[in-house]
C-alpha atoms as a PDB file:
ATOM      1  CA  UNK A   1     -17.592 -11.583  -5.793  1.00  0.00           C
ATOM      2  CA  UNK A   2     -15.647  -8.706  -4.252  1.00  0.00           C
ATOM      3  CA  UNK A   3     -13.041  -9.741  -1.701  1.00  0.00           C
ATOM      4  CA  UNK A   4     -13.084  -7.467   1.349  1.00  0.00           C
ATOM      5  CA  UNK A   5      -9.924  -5.900   2.796  1.00  0.00           C
ATOM      6  CA  UNK A   6      -7.985  -8.052   5.263  1.00  0.00           C
ATOM      7  CA  UNK A   7      -8.372  -5.470   8.022  1.00  0.00           C
ATOM      8  CA  UNK A   8      -8.998  -1.809   8.682  1.00  0.00           C
ATOM      9  CA  UNK A   9      -5.216  -1.331   8.843  1.00  0.00           C
ATOM     10  CA  UNK A  10      -4.576  -2.856   5.403  1.00  0.00           C
ATOM     11  CA  UNK A  11      -7.463  -0.816   4.001  1.00  0.00           C
ATOM     12  CA  UNK A  12      -6.071   2.430   5.458  1.00  0.00           C
ATOM     13  CA  UNK A  13      -2.535   1.604   4.317  1.00  0.00           C
ATOM     14  CA  UNK A  14      -3.789   0.919   0.796  1.00  0.00           C
ATOM     15  CA  UNK A  15      -5.729   4.174   0.737  1.00  0.00           C
ATOM     16  CA  UNK A  16      -2.584   6.049   1.732  1.00  0.00           C
ATOM     17  CA  UNK A  17      -0.609   4.370  -1.039  1.00  0.00           C
ATOM     18  CA  UNK A  18      -3.318   5.181  -3.605  1.00  0.00           C
ATOM     19  CA  UNK A  19      -3.645   8.801  -2.471  1.00  0.00           C
ATOM     20  CA  UNK A  20       0.095   9.420  -2.656  1.00  0.00           C
ATOM     21  CA  UNK A  21       0.378   7.651  -6.019  1.00  0.00           C
ATOM     22  CA  UNK A  22      -2.392   9.832  -7.416  1.00  0.00           C
ATOM     23  CA  UNK A  23      -0.764  12.971  -5.963  1.00  0.00           C
ATOM     24  CA  UNK A  24       2.359  12.051  -7.958  1.00  0.00           C
ATOM     25  CA  UNK A  25       0.290  11.408 -11.097  1.00  0.00           C
ATOM     26  CA  UNK A  26       1.482   7.804 -11.293  1.00  0.00           C
ATOM     27  CA  UNK A  27      -0.371   4.791 -12.598  1.00  0.00           C
ATOM     28  CA  UNK A  28      -0.202   1.538 -10.659  1.00  0.00           C
ATOM     29  CA  UNK A  29       2.171   0.272 -13.341  1.00  0.00           C
ATOM     30  CA  UNK A  30       4.478   3.264 -12.921  1.00  0.00           C
ATOM     31  CA  UNK A  31       4.565   2.864  -9.158  1.00  0.00           C
ATOM     32  CA  UNK A  32       5.256  -0.851  -9.549  1.00  0.00           C
ATOM     33  CA  UNK A  33       8.196  -0.097 -11.856  1.00  0.00           C
ATOM     34  CA  UNK A  34       9.572   2.519  -9.438  1.00  0.00           C
ATOM     35  CA  UNK A  35       9.198   0.151  -6.473  1.00  0.00           C
ATOM     36  CA  UNK A  36      10.379  -3.036  -8.169  1.00  0.00           C
ATOM     37  CA  UNK A  37       7.034  -4.756  -7.644  1.00  0.00           C
ATOM     38  CA  UNK A  38       4.365  -6.234  -9.913  1.00  0.00           C
ATOM     39  CA  UNK A  39       1.469  -3.938 -10.864  1.00  0.00           C
ATOM     40  CA  UNK A  40      -1.117  -6.487  -9.695  1.00  0.00           C
ATOM     41  CA  UNK A  41       0.534  -6.530  -6.255  1.00  0.00           C
ATOM     42  CA  UNK A  42       0.213  -2.739  -6.049  1.00  0.00           C
ATOM     43  CA  UNK A  43      -3.492  -3.038  -6.883  1.00  0.00           C
ATOM     44  CA  UNK A  44      -4.004  -5.640  -4.166  1.00  0.00           C
ATOM     45  CA  UNK A  45      -2.202  -3.428  -1.639  1.00  0.00           C
ATOM     46  CA  UNK A  46      -4.357  -0.441  -2.576  1.00  0.00           C
ATOM     47  CA  UNK A  47      -7.506  -2.511  -2.057  1.00  0.00           C
ATOM     48  CA  UNK A  48      -6.288  -3.722   1.359  1.00  0.00           C
ATOM     49  CA  UNK A  49      -6.029  -7.317   0.224  1.00  0.00           C
ATOM     50  CA  UNK A  50      -2.352  -7.782   1.066  1.00  0.00           C
ATOM     51  CA  UNK A  51      -0.646  -7.885   4.446  1.00  0.00           C
ATOM     52  CA  UNK A  52       2.755  -6.817   3.180  1.00  0.00           C
ATOM     53  CA  UNK A  53       6.257  -7.230   4.564  1.00  0.00           C
ATOM     54  CA  UNK A  54       8.531  -4.504   5.838  1.00  0.00           C
ATOM     55  CA  UNK A  55      10.657  -4.812   2.702  1.00  0.00           C
ATOM     56  CA  UNK A  56       7.676  -4.152   0.462  1.00  0.00           C
ATOM     57  CA  UNK A  57       6.593  -1.193   2.613  1.00  0.00           C
ATOM     58  CA  UNK A  58      10.075   0.248   2.099  1.00  0.00           C
ATOM     59  CA  UNK A  59       9.927  -0.419  -1.659  1.00  0.00           C
ATOM     60  CA  UNK A  60       6.543   1.284  -1.965  1.00  0.00           C
ATOM     61  CA  UNK A  61       7.725   4.258   0.076  1.00  0.00           C
ATOM     62  CA  UNK A  62      10.750   4.606  -2.207  1.00  0.00           C
ATOM     63  CA  UNK A  63       8.519   4.492  -5.285  1.00  0.00           C
ATOM     64  CA  UNK A  64       6.202   7.050  -3.705  1.00  0.00           C
ATOM     65  CA  UNK A  65       9.090   9.318  -2.638  1.00  0.00           C
ATOM     66  CA  UNK A  66       7.777   9.365   0.931  1.00  0.00           C
ATOM     67  CA  UNK A  67       9.042   8.364   4.354  1.00  0.00           C
ATOM     68  CA  UNK A  68       7.713   4.865   5.148  1.00  0.00           C
ATOM     69  CA  UNK A  69       6.497   6.154   8.502  1.00  0.00           C
ATOM     70  CA  UNK A  70       3.914   8.274   6.689  1.00  0.00           C
ATOM     71  CA  UNK A  71       2.338   5.107   5.311  1.00  0.00           C
ATOM     72  CA  UNK A  72       2.006   3.339   8.665  1.00  0.00           C
ATOM     73  CA  UNK A  73       1.640   6.158  11.204  1.00  0.00           C
ATOM     74  CA  UNK A  74      -1.236   5.532  13.587  1.00  0.00           C
ATOM     75  CA  UNK A  75      -2.269   2.154  12.156  1.00  0.00           C
ATOM     76  CA  UNK A  76      -3.188  -0.552  14.654  1.00  0.00           C
ATOM     77  CA  UNK A  77      -3.271  -4.316  14.249  1.00  0.00           C
ATOM     78  CA  UNK A  78      -6.648  -6.042  14.190  1.00  0.00           C
ATOM     79  CA  UNK A  79      -8.041  -7.002  17.578  1.00  0.00           C
ATOM     80  CA  UNK A  80      -7.353 -10.569  18.653  1.00  0.00           C
ATOM     81  CA  UNK A  81     -10.354 -12.859  18.725  1.00  0.00           C
END
């Protein structure tokens, strides 16, 4: 069974991470090493299955050699029920 993304925001964030990683020619493992994270965590982020902390956003941005604002610009939280 495929687990869906947590929200549209986590899905968009993950897509941005994946796109930038691919632009740099990195594997998930290479990005994880650069960011000080586990490769499986990077995969979960890219699939939108993690709601990550500010510290991990900063780590990913460092590994991706990008301003963290580029990863979150324009994202909105899910609507309250």
